[in-house]
Amino acid sequence: MGGFKHEQRRLTHRGKVFHFVSYEAQDGNAAKNLPAMPATWYLLNAGHRWPAIPLQVGHPEDETDALLAEWLESQVFAPLA
């Protein structure tokens, strides 16, 4: 039985380099009020991580990069409301 293989992506967007790492799905924990999470790409920065987009195993890298760039536009570069 094989374990989960973490993937890493470094994406240059708007002249900045962003580091994303995939994490395996997590079961929920009702006692700690934590919901279940699917396998997900996370943005790593300054010792913190933020969930970005669901991980799709076997998805082409260029399409994954495009989805991550869309997420950056909507979450990191979006104007404040």
PDB file of N, CA and C in Angstrom:
ATOM      1  N   MET A   1       0.839  -1.176   0.000  1.00  0.00           N
ATOM      2  CA  MET A   1       0.000   0.000   0.000  1.00  0.00           C
ATOM      3  C   MET A   1       0.883   1.238   0.000  1.00  0.00           C
ATOM      4  N   GLY A   2       0.693   2.107  -0.964  1.00  0.00           N
ATOM      5  CA  GLY A   2       1.493   3.314  -1.060  1.00  0.00           C
ATOM      6  C   GLY A   2       0.905   4.454  -0.261  1.00  0.00           C
ATOM      7  N   GLY A   3       1.773   5.284   0.251  1.00  0.00           N
ATOM      8  CA  GLY A   3       1.320   6.448   1.006  1.00  0.00           C
ATOM      9  C   GLY A   3       1.081   7.623   0.087  1.00  0.00           C
ATOM     10  N   PHE A   4       0.562   8.666   0.643  1.00  0.00           N
ATOM     11  CA  PHE A   4       0.310   9.889  -0.105  1.00  0.00           C
ATOM     12  C   PHE A   4       1.635  10.534  -0.477  1.00  0.00           C
ATOM     13  N   LYS A   5       1.757  10.955  -1.722  1.00  0.00           N
ATOM     14  CA  LYS A   5       2.976  11.625  -2.176  1.00  0.00           C
ATOM     15  C   LYS A   5       2.689  13.120  -2.294  1.00  0.00           C
ATOM     16  N   HIS A   6       3.333  13.890  -1.431  1.00  0.00           N
ATOM     17  CA  HIS A   6       3.170  15.340  -1.486  1.00  0.00           C
ATOM     18  C   HIS A   6       3.787  15.868  -2.765  1.00  0.00           C
ATOM     19  N   GLU A   7       3.119  16.833  -3.365  1.00  0.00           N
ATOM     20  CA  GLU A   7       3.643  17.508  -4.543  1.00  0.00           C
ATOM     21  C   GLU A   7       3.904  18.960  -4.174  1.00  0.00           C
ATOM     22  N   GLN A   8       4.840  19.573  -4.881  1.00  0.00           N
ATOM     23  CA  GLN A   8       5.135  20.981  -4.663  1.00  0.00           C
ATOM     24  C   GLN A   8       5.110  21.700  -5.995  1.00  0.00           C
ATOM     25  N   ARG A   9       4.627  22.930  -5.978  1.00  0.00           N
ATOM     26  CA  ARG A   9       4.608  23.765  -7.171  1.00  0.00           C
ATOM     27  C   ARG A   9       5.134  25.134  -6.768  1.00  0.00           C
ATOM     28  N   ARG A  10       6.003  25.684  -7.549  1.00  0.00           N
ATOM     29  CA  ARG A  10       6.429  27.075  -7.386  1.00  0.00           C
ATOM     30  C   ARG A  10       5.886  27.798  -8.608  1.00  0.00           C
ATOM     31  N   LEU A  11       5.040  28.753  -8.344  1.00  0.00           N
ATOM     32  CA  LEU A  11       4.340  29.462  -9.413  1.00  0.00           C
ATOM     33  C   LEU A  11       4.737  30.930  -9.375  1.00  0.00           C
ATOM     34  N   THR A  12       5.226  31.437 -10.486  1.00  0.00           N
ATOM     35  CA  THR A  12       5.526  32.859 -10.595  1.00  0.00           C
ATOM     36  C   THR A  12       4.299  33.537 -11.174  1.00  0.00           C
ATOM     37  N   HIS A  13       3.758  34.480 -10.407  1.00  0.00           N
ATOM     38  CA  HIS A  13       2.545  35.186 -10.820  1.00  0.00           C
ATOM     39  C   HIS A  13       2.685  36.644 -10.423  1.00  0.00           C
ATOM     40  N   ARG A  14       2.475  37.526 -11.371  1.00  0.00           N
ATOM     41  CA  ARG A  14       2.623  38.972 -11.150  1.00  0.00           C
ATOM     42  C   ARG A  14       4.008  39.309 -10.608  1.00  0.00           C
ATOM     43  N   GLY A  15       5.013  38.589 -11.090  1.00  0.00           N
ATOM     44  CA  GLY A  15       6.390  38.861 -10.710  1.00  0.00           C
ATOM     45  C   GLY A  15       6.812  38.330  -9.348  1.00  0.00           C
ATOM     46  N   LYS A  16       5.929  37.591  -8.680  1.00  0.00           N
ATOM     47  CA  LYS A  16       6.256  37.030  -7.371  1.00  0.00           C
ATOM     48  C   LYS A  16       6.195  35.507  -7.449  1.00  0.00           C
ATOM     49  N   VAL A  17       7.009  34.857  -6.634  1.00  0.00           N
ATOM     50  CA  VAL A  17       7.031  33.398  -6.597  1.00  0.00           C
ATOM     51  C   VAL A  17       6.194  32.928  -5.410  1.00  0.00           C
ATOM     52  N   PHE A  18       5.266  32.021  -5.681  1.00  0.00           N
ATOM     53  CA  PHE A  18       4.397  31.457  -4.658  1.00  0.00           C
ATOM     54  C   PHE A  18       4.679  29.968  -4.547  1.00  0.00           C
ATOM     55  N   HIS A  19       4.707  29.466  -3.332  1.00  0.00           N
ATOM     56  CA  HIS A  19       5.023  28.062  -3.059  1.00  0.00           C
ATOM     57  C   HIS A  19       3.750  27.358  -2.598  1.00  0.00           C
ATOM     58  N   PHE A  20       3.353  26.340  -3.360  1.00  0.00           N
ATOM     59  CA  PHE A  20       2.179  25.533  -3.038  1.00  0.00           C
ATOM     60  C   PHE A  20       2.612  24.100  -2.758  1.00  0.00           C
ATOM     61  N   VAL A  21       1.956  23.472  -1.786  1.00  0.00           N
ATOM     62  CA  VAL A  21       2.224  22.077  -1.436  1.00  0.00           C
ATOM     63  C   VAL A  21       0.890  21.360  -1.306  1.00  0.00           C
ATOM     64  N   SER A  22       0.843  20.119  -1.805  1.00  0.00           N
ATOM     65  CA  SER A  22      -0.379  19.328  -1.688  1.00  0.00           C
ATOM     66  C   SER A  22      -0.363  18.542  -0.386  1.00  0.00           C
ATOM     67  N   TYR A  23      -1.531  18.437   0.229  1.00  0.00           N
ATOM     68  CA  TYR A  23      -1.711  17.659   1.451  1.00  0.00           C
ATOM     69  C   TYR A  23      -2.844  16.676   1.233  1.00  0.00           C
ATOM     70  N   GLU A  24      -2.730  15.493   1.847  1.00  0.00           N
ATOM     71  CA  GLU A  24      -3.743  14.469   1.681  1.00  0.00           C
ATOM     72  C   GLU A  24      -5.034  14.846   2.399  1.00  0.00           C
ATOM     73  N   ALA A  25      -6.101  14.152   2.039  1.00  0.00           N
ATOM     74  CA  ALA A  25      -7.405  14.396   2.650  1.00  0.00           C
ATOM     75  C   ALA A  25      -7.337  14.121   4.151  1.00  0.00           C
ATOM     76  N   GLN A  26      -8.158  14.849   4.897  1.00  0.00           N
ATOM     77  CA  GLN A  26      -8.221  14.686   6.345  1.00  0.00           C
ATOM     78  C   GLN A  26      -9.649  14.341   6.754  1.00  0.00           C
ATOM     79  N   ASP A  27      -9.784  13.360   7.625  1.00  0.00           N
ATOM     80  CA  ASP A  27     -11.093  13.032   8.171  1.00  0.00           C
ATOM     81  C   ASP A  27     -11.525  14.145   9.112  1.00  0.00           C
ATOM     82  N   GLY A  28     -12.828  14.352   9.195  1.00  0.00           N
ATOM     83  CA  GLY A  28     -13.355  15.339  10.126  1.00  0.00           C
ATOM     84  C   GLY A  28     -13.221  14.846  11.563  1.00  0.00           C
ATOM     85  N   ASN A  29     -13.316  15.763  12.512  1.00  0.00           N
ATOM     86  CA  ASN A  29     -13.266  15.428  13.926  1.00  0.00           C
ATOM     87  C   ASN A  29     -14.358  16.230  14.630  1.00  0.00           C
ATOM     88  N   ALA A  30     -15.479  15.561  14.908  1.00  0.00           N
ATOM     89  CA  ALA A  30     -16.622  16.236  15.522  1.00  0.00           C
ATOM     90  C   ALA A  30     -16.274  16.781  16.908  1.00  0.00           C
ATOM     91  N   ALA A  31     -15.445  16.071  17.659  1.00  0.00           N
ATOM     92  CA  ALA A  31     -15.084  16.510  19.011  1.00  0.00           C
ATOM     93  C   ALA A  31     -14.336  17.843  18.992  1.00  0.00           C
ATOM     94  N   LYS A  32     -13.567  18.074  17.937  1.00  0.00           N
ATOM     95  CA  LYS A  32     -12.811  19.328  17.818  1.00  0.00           C
ATOM     96  C   LYS A  32     -13.471  20.304  16.849  1.00  0.00           C
ATOM     97  N   ASN A  33     -14.673  19.937  16.372  1.00  0.00           N
ATOM     98  CA  ASN A  33     -15.419  20.762  15.427  1.00  0.00           C
ATOM     99  C   ASN A  33     -14.619  21.053  14.158  1.00  0.00           C
ATOM    100  N   LEU A  34     -13.891  20.043  13.656  1.00  0.00           N
ATOM    101  CA  LEU A  34     -13.107  20.172  12.433  1.00  0.00           C
ATOM    102  C   LEU A  34     -13.795  19.412  11.308  1.00  0.00           C
ATOM    103  N   PRO A  35     -14.058  20.078  10.191  1.00  0.00           N
ATOM    104  CA  PRO A  35     -14.697  19.397   9.071  1.00  0.00           C
ATOM    105  C   PRO A  35     -13.702  18.516   8.320  1.00  0.00           C
ATOM    106  N   ALA A  36     -14.227  17.560   7.562  1.00  0.00           N
ATOM    107  CA  ALA A  36     -13.373  16.758   6.685  1.00  0.00           C
ATOM    108  C   ALA A  36     -12.855  17.657   5.566  1.00  0.00           C
ATOM    109  N   MET A  37     -11.632  17.412   5.123  1.00  0.00           N
ATOM    110  CA  MET A  37     -11.027  18.187   4.026  1.00  0.00           C
ATOM    111  C   MET A  37     -10.567  17.236   2.937  1.00  0.00           C
ATOM    112  N   PRO A  38     -10.889  17.545   1.681  1.00  0.00           N
ATOM    113  CA  PRO A  38     -10.374  16.717   0.592  1.00  0.00           C
ATOM    114  C   PRO A  38      -8.876  16.982   0.412  1.00  0.00           C
ATOM    115  N   ALA A  39      -8.217  16.169  -0.377  1.00  0.00           N
ATOM    116  CA  ALA A  39      -6.821  16.456  -0.720  1.00  0.00           C
ATOM    117  C   ALA A  39      -6.787  17.844  -1.359  1.00  0.00           C
ATOM    118  N   THR A  40      -5.847  18.676  -0.904  1.00  0.00           N
ATOM    119  CA  THR A  40      -5.891  20.102  -1.242  1.00  0.00           C
ATOM    120  C   THR A  40      -4.497  20.656  -1.496  1.00  0.00           C
ATOM    121  N   TRP A  41      -4.436  21.627  -2.416  1.00  0.00           N
ATOM    122  CA  TRP A  41      -3.233  22.439  -2.584  1.00  0.00           C
ATOM    123  C   TRP A  41      -3.291  23.569  -1.568  1.00  0.00           C
ATOM    124  N   TYR A  42      -2.182  23.812  -0.875  1.00  0.00           N
ATOM    125  CA  TYR A  42      -2.081  24.894   0.105  1.00  0.00           C
ATOM    126  C   TYR A  42      -0.993  25.860  -0.324  1.00  0.00           C
ATOM    127  N   LEU A  43      -1.236  27.140  -0.101  1.00  0.00           N
ATOM    128  CA  LEU A  43      -0.214  28.165  -0.272  1.00  0.00           C
ATOM    129  C   LEU A  43       0.588  28.222   1.011  1.00  0.00           C
ATOM    130  N   LEU A  44       1.914  28.128   0.917  1.00  0.00           N
ATOM    131  CA  LEU A  44       2.791  28.246   2.080  1.00  0.00           C
ATOM    132  C   LEU A  44       3.505  29.581   2.024  1.00  0.00           C
ATOM    133  N   ASN A  45       3.501  30.284   3.171  1.00  0.00           N
ATOM    134  CA  ASN A  45       4.190  31.568   3.242  1.00  0.00           C
ATOM    135  C   ASN A  45       4.386  31.938   4.702  1.00  0.00           C
ATOM    136  N   ALA A  46       5.593  32.314   5.045  1.00  0.00           N
ATOM    137  CA  ALA A  46       5.927  32.825   6.384  1.00  0.00           C
ATOM    138  C   ALA A  46       5.491  31.876   7.496  1.00  0.00           C
ATOM    139  N   GLY A  47       5.670  30.579   7.285  1.00  0.00           N
ATOM    140  CA  GLY A  47       5.352  29.607   8.318  1.00  0.00           C
ATOM    141  C   GLY A  47       3.874  29.296   8.463  1.00  0.00           C
ATOM    142  N   HIS A  48       3.052  29.770   7.555  1.00  0.00           N
ATOM    143  CA  HIS A  48       1.610  29.520   7.585  1.00  0.00           C
ATOM    144  C   HIS A  48       1.207  28.825   6.296  1.00  0.00           C
ATOM    145  N   ARG A  49       0.019  28.195   6.331  1.00  0.00           N
ATOM    146  CA  ARG A  49      -0.511  27.604   5.105  1.00  0.00           C
ATOM    147  C   ARG A  49      -1.997  27.926   4.994  1.00  0.00           C
ATOM    148  N   TRP A  50      -2.417  28.168   3.758  1.00  0.00           N
ATOM    149  CA  TRP A  50      -3.797  28.500   3.467  1.00  0.00           C
ATOM    150  C   TRP A  50      -4.309  27.550   2.396  1.00  0.00           C
ATOM    151  N   PRO A  51      -5.500  26.932   2.618  1.00  0.00           N
ATOM    152  CA  PRO A  51      -6.047  26.040   1.602  1.00  0.00           C
ATOM    153  C   PRO A  51      -6.389  26.823   0.344  1.00  0.00           C
ATOM    154  N   ALA A  52      -6.010  26.289  -0.800  1.00  0.00           N
ATOM    155  CA  ALA A  52      -6.249  26.986  -2.063  1.00  0.00           C
ATOM    156  C   ALA A  52      -7.299  26.251  -2.896  1.00  0.00           C
ATOM    157  N   ILE A  53      -6.899  25.190  -3.579  1.00  0.00           N
ATOM    158  CA  ILE A  53      -7.813  24.472  -4.471  1.00  0.00           C
ATOM    159  C   ILE A  53      -7.713  22.977  -4.200  1.00  0.00           C
ATOM    160  N   PRO A  54      -8.769  22.230  -4.527  1.00  0.00           N
ATOM    161  CA  PRO A  54      -8.697  20.774  -4.357  1.00  0.00           C
ATOM    162  C   PRO A  54      -7.610  20.167  -5.262  1.00  0.00           C
ATOM    163  N   LEU A  55      -6.940  19.155  -4.760  1.00  0.00           N
ATOM    164  CA  LEU A  55      -5.933  18.430  -5.525  1.00  0.00           C
ATOM    165  C   LEU A  55      -6.636  17.451  -6.448  1.00  0.00           C
ATOM    166  N   GLN A  56      -6.281  17.467  -7.713  1.00  0.00           N
ATOM    167  CA  GLN A  56      -6.823  16.530  -8.690  1.00  0.00           C
ATOM    168  C   GLN A  56      -5.654  15.697  -9.203  1.00  0.00           C
ATOM    169  N   VAL A  57      -5.557  14.461  -8.730  1.00  0.00           N
ATOM    170  CA  VAL A  57      -4.443  13.584  -9.093  1.00  0.00           C
ATOM    171  C   VAL A  57      -4.452  13.363 -10.605  1.00  0.00           C
ATOM    172  N   GLY A  58      -3.288  13.498 -11.219  1.00  0.00           N
ATOM    173  CA  GLY A  58      -3.155  13.289 -12.654  1.00  0.00           C
ATOM    174  C   GLY A  58      -3.539  14.481 -13.499  1.00  0.00           C
ATOM    175  N   HIS A  59      -3.916  15.586 -12.869  1.00  0.00           N
ATOM    176  CA  HIS A  59      -4.290  16.801 -13.593  1.00  0.00           C
ATOM    177  C   HIS A  59      -3.042  17.387 -14.244  1.00  0.00           C
ATOM    178  N   PRO A  60      -3.110  17.829 -15.505  1.00  0.00           N
ATOM    179  CA  PRO A  60      -1.923  18.412 -16.159  1.00  0.00           C
ATOM    180  C   PRO A  60      -1.382  19.616 -15.381  1.00  0.00           C
ATOM    181  N   GLU A  61      -0.062  19.717 -15.314  1.00  0.00           N
ATOM    182  CA  GLU A  61       0.576  20.774 -14.529  1.00  0.00           C
ATOM    183  C   GLU A  61       0.185  22.167 -14.993  1.00  0.00           C
ATOM    184  N   ASP A  62       0.077  22.377 -16.301  1.00  0.00           N
ATOM    185  CA  ASP A  62      -0.271  23.711 -16.787  1.00  0.00           C
ATOM    186  C   ASP A  62      -1.689  24.101 -16.376  1.00  0.00           C
ATOM    187  N   GLU A  63      -2.601  23.142 -16.333  1.00  0.00           N
ATOM    188  CA  GLU A  63      -3.959  23.430 -15.881  1.00  0.00           C
ATOM    189  C   GLU A  63      -3.994  23.695 -14.378  1.00  0.00           C
ATOM    190  N   THR A  64      -3.203  22.939 -13.623  1.00  0.00           N
ATOM    191  CA  THR A  64      -3.113  23.182 -12.178  1.00  0.00           C
ATOM    192  C   THR A  64      -2.557  24.578 -11.927  1.00  0.00           C
ATOM    193  N   ASP A  65      -1.518  24.958 -12.663  1.00  0.00           N
ATOM    194  CA  ASP A  65      -0.944  26.300 -12.512  1.00  0.00           C
ATOM    195  C   ASP A  65      -1.975  27.374 -12.829  1.00  0.00           C
ATOM    196  N   ALA A  66      -2.785  27.159 -13.855  1.00  0.00           N
ATOM    197  CA  ALA A  66      -3.818  28.136 -14.211  1.00  0.00           C
ATOM    198  C   ALA A  66      -4.852  28.268 -13.093  1.00  0.00           C
ATOM    199  N   LEU A  67      -5.254  27.147 -12.503  1.00  0.00           N
ATOM    200  CA  LEU A  67      -6.213  27.185 -11.401  1.00  0.00           C
ATOM    201  C   LEU A  67      -5.618  27.876 -10.174  1.00  0.00           C
ATOM    202  N   LEU A  68      -4.341  27.603  -9.900  1.00  0.00           N
ATOM    203  CA  LEU A  68      -3.683  28.266  -8.766  1.00  0.00           C
ATOM    204  C   LEU A  68      -3.572  29.775  -9.016  1.00  0.00           C
ATOM    205  N   ALA A  69      -3.281  30.164 -10.254  1.00  0.00           N
ATOM    206  CA  ALA A  69      -3.206  31.594 -10.595  1.00  0.00           C
ATOM    207  C   ALA A  69      -4.574  32.255 -10.425  1.00  0.00           C
ATOM    208  N   GLU A  70      -5.634  31.568 -10.828  1.00  0.00           N
ATOM    209  CA  GLU A  70      -6.990  32.099 -10.635  1.00  0.00           C
ATOM    210  C   GLU A  70      -7.274  32.282  -9.144  1.00  0.00           C
ATOM    211  N   TRP A  71      -6.869  31.302  -8.341  1.00  0.00           N
ATOM    212  CA  TRP A  71      -7.072  31.403  -6.892  1.00  0.00           C
ATOM    213  C   TRP A  71      -6.303  32.600  -6.333  1.00  0.00           C
ATOM    214  N   LEU A  72      -5.052  32.780  -6.772  1.00  0.00           N
ATOM    215  CA  LEU A  72      -4.269  33.928  -6.314  1.00  0.00           C
ATOM    216  C   LEU A  72      -4.975  35.240  -6.663  1.00  0.00           C
ATOM    217  N   GLU A  73      -5.502  35.334  -7.873  1.00  0.00           N
ATOM    218  CA  GLU A  73      -6.195  36.557  -8.291  1.00  0.00           C
ATOM    219  C   GLU A  73      -7.403  36.831  -7.406  1.00  0.00           C
ATOM    220  N   SER A  74      -8.157  35.787  -7.083  1.00  0.00           N
ATOM    221  CA  SER A  74      -9.387  35.997  -6.316  1.00  0.00           C
ATOM    222  C   SER A  74      -9.139  36.143  -4.812  1.00  0.00           C
ATOM    223  N   GLN A  75      -8.063  35.588  -4.289  1.00  0.00           N
ATOM    224  CA  GLN A  75      -7.841  35.587  -2.848  1.00  0.00           C
ATOM    225  C   GLN A  75      -6.704  36.494  -2.389  1.00  0.00           C
ATOM    226  N   VAL A  76      -5.678  36.640  -3.192  1.00  0.00           N
ATOM    227  CA  VAL A  76      -4.504  37.409  -2.781  1.00  0.00           C
ATOM    228  C   VAL A  76      -4.506  38.800  -3.405  1.00  0.00           C
ATOM    229  N   PHE A  77      -4.871  38.884  -4.678  1.00  0.00           N
ATOM    230  CA  PHE A  77      -4.797  40.157  -5.387  1.00  0.00           C
ATOM    231  C   PHE A  77      -6.137  40.854  -5.545  1.00  0.00           C
ATOM    232  N   ALA A  78      -7.201  40.272  -5.015  1.00  0.00           N
ATOM    233  CA  ALA A  78      -8.533  40.881  -5.136  1.00  0.00           C
ATOM    234  C   ALA A  78      -8.560  42.193  -4.368  1.00  0.00           C
ATOM    235  N   PRO A  79      -9.219  43.206  -4.935  1.00  0.00           N
ATOM    236  CA  PRO A  79      -9.326  44.463  -4.196  1.00  0.00           C
ATOM    237  C   PRO A  79     -10.199  44.279  -2.962  1.00  0.00           C
ATOM    238  N   LEU A  80      -9.858  45.015  -1.929  1.00  0.00           N
ATOM    239  CA  LEU A  80     -10.642  44.938  -0.692  1.00  0.00           C
ATOM    240  C   LEU A  80     -12.013  45.550  -0.923  1.00  0.00           C
ATOM    241  N   ALA A  81     -13.015  44.900  -0.410  1.00  0.00           N
ATOM    242  CA  ALA A  81     -14.387  45.392  -0.615  1.00  0.00           C
ATOM    243  C   ALA A  81     -14.727  46.500   0.347  1.00  0.00           C
TER     244      ALA A  81
END
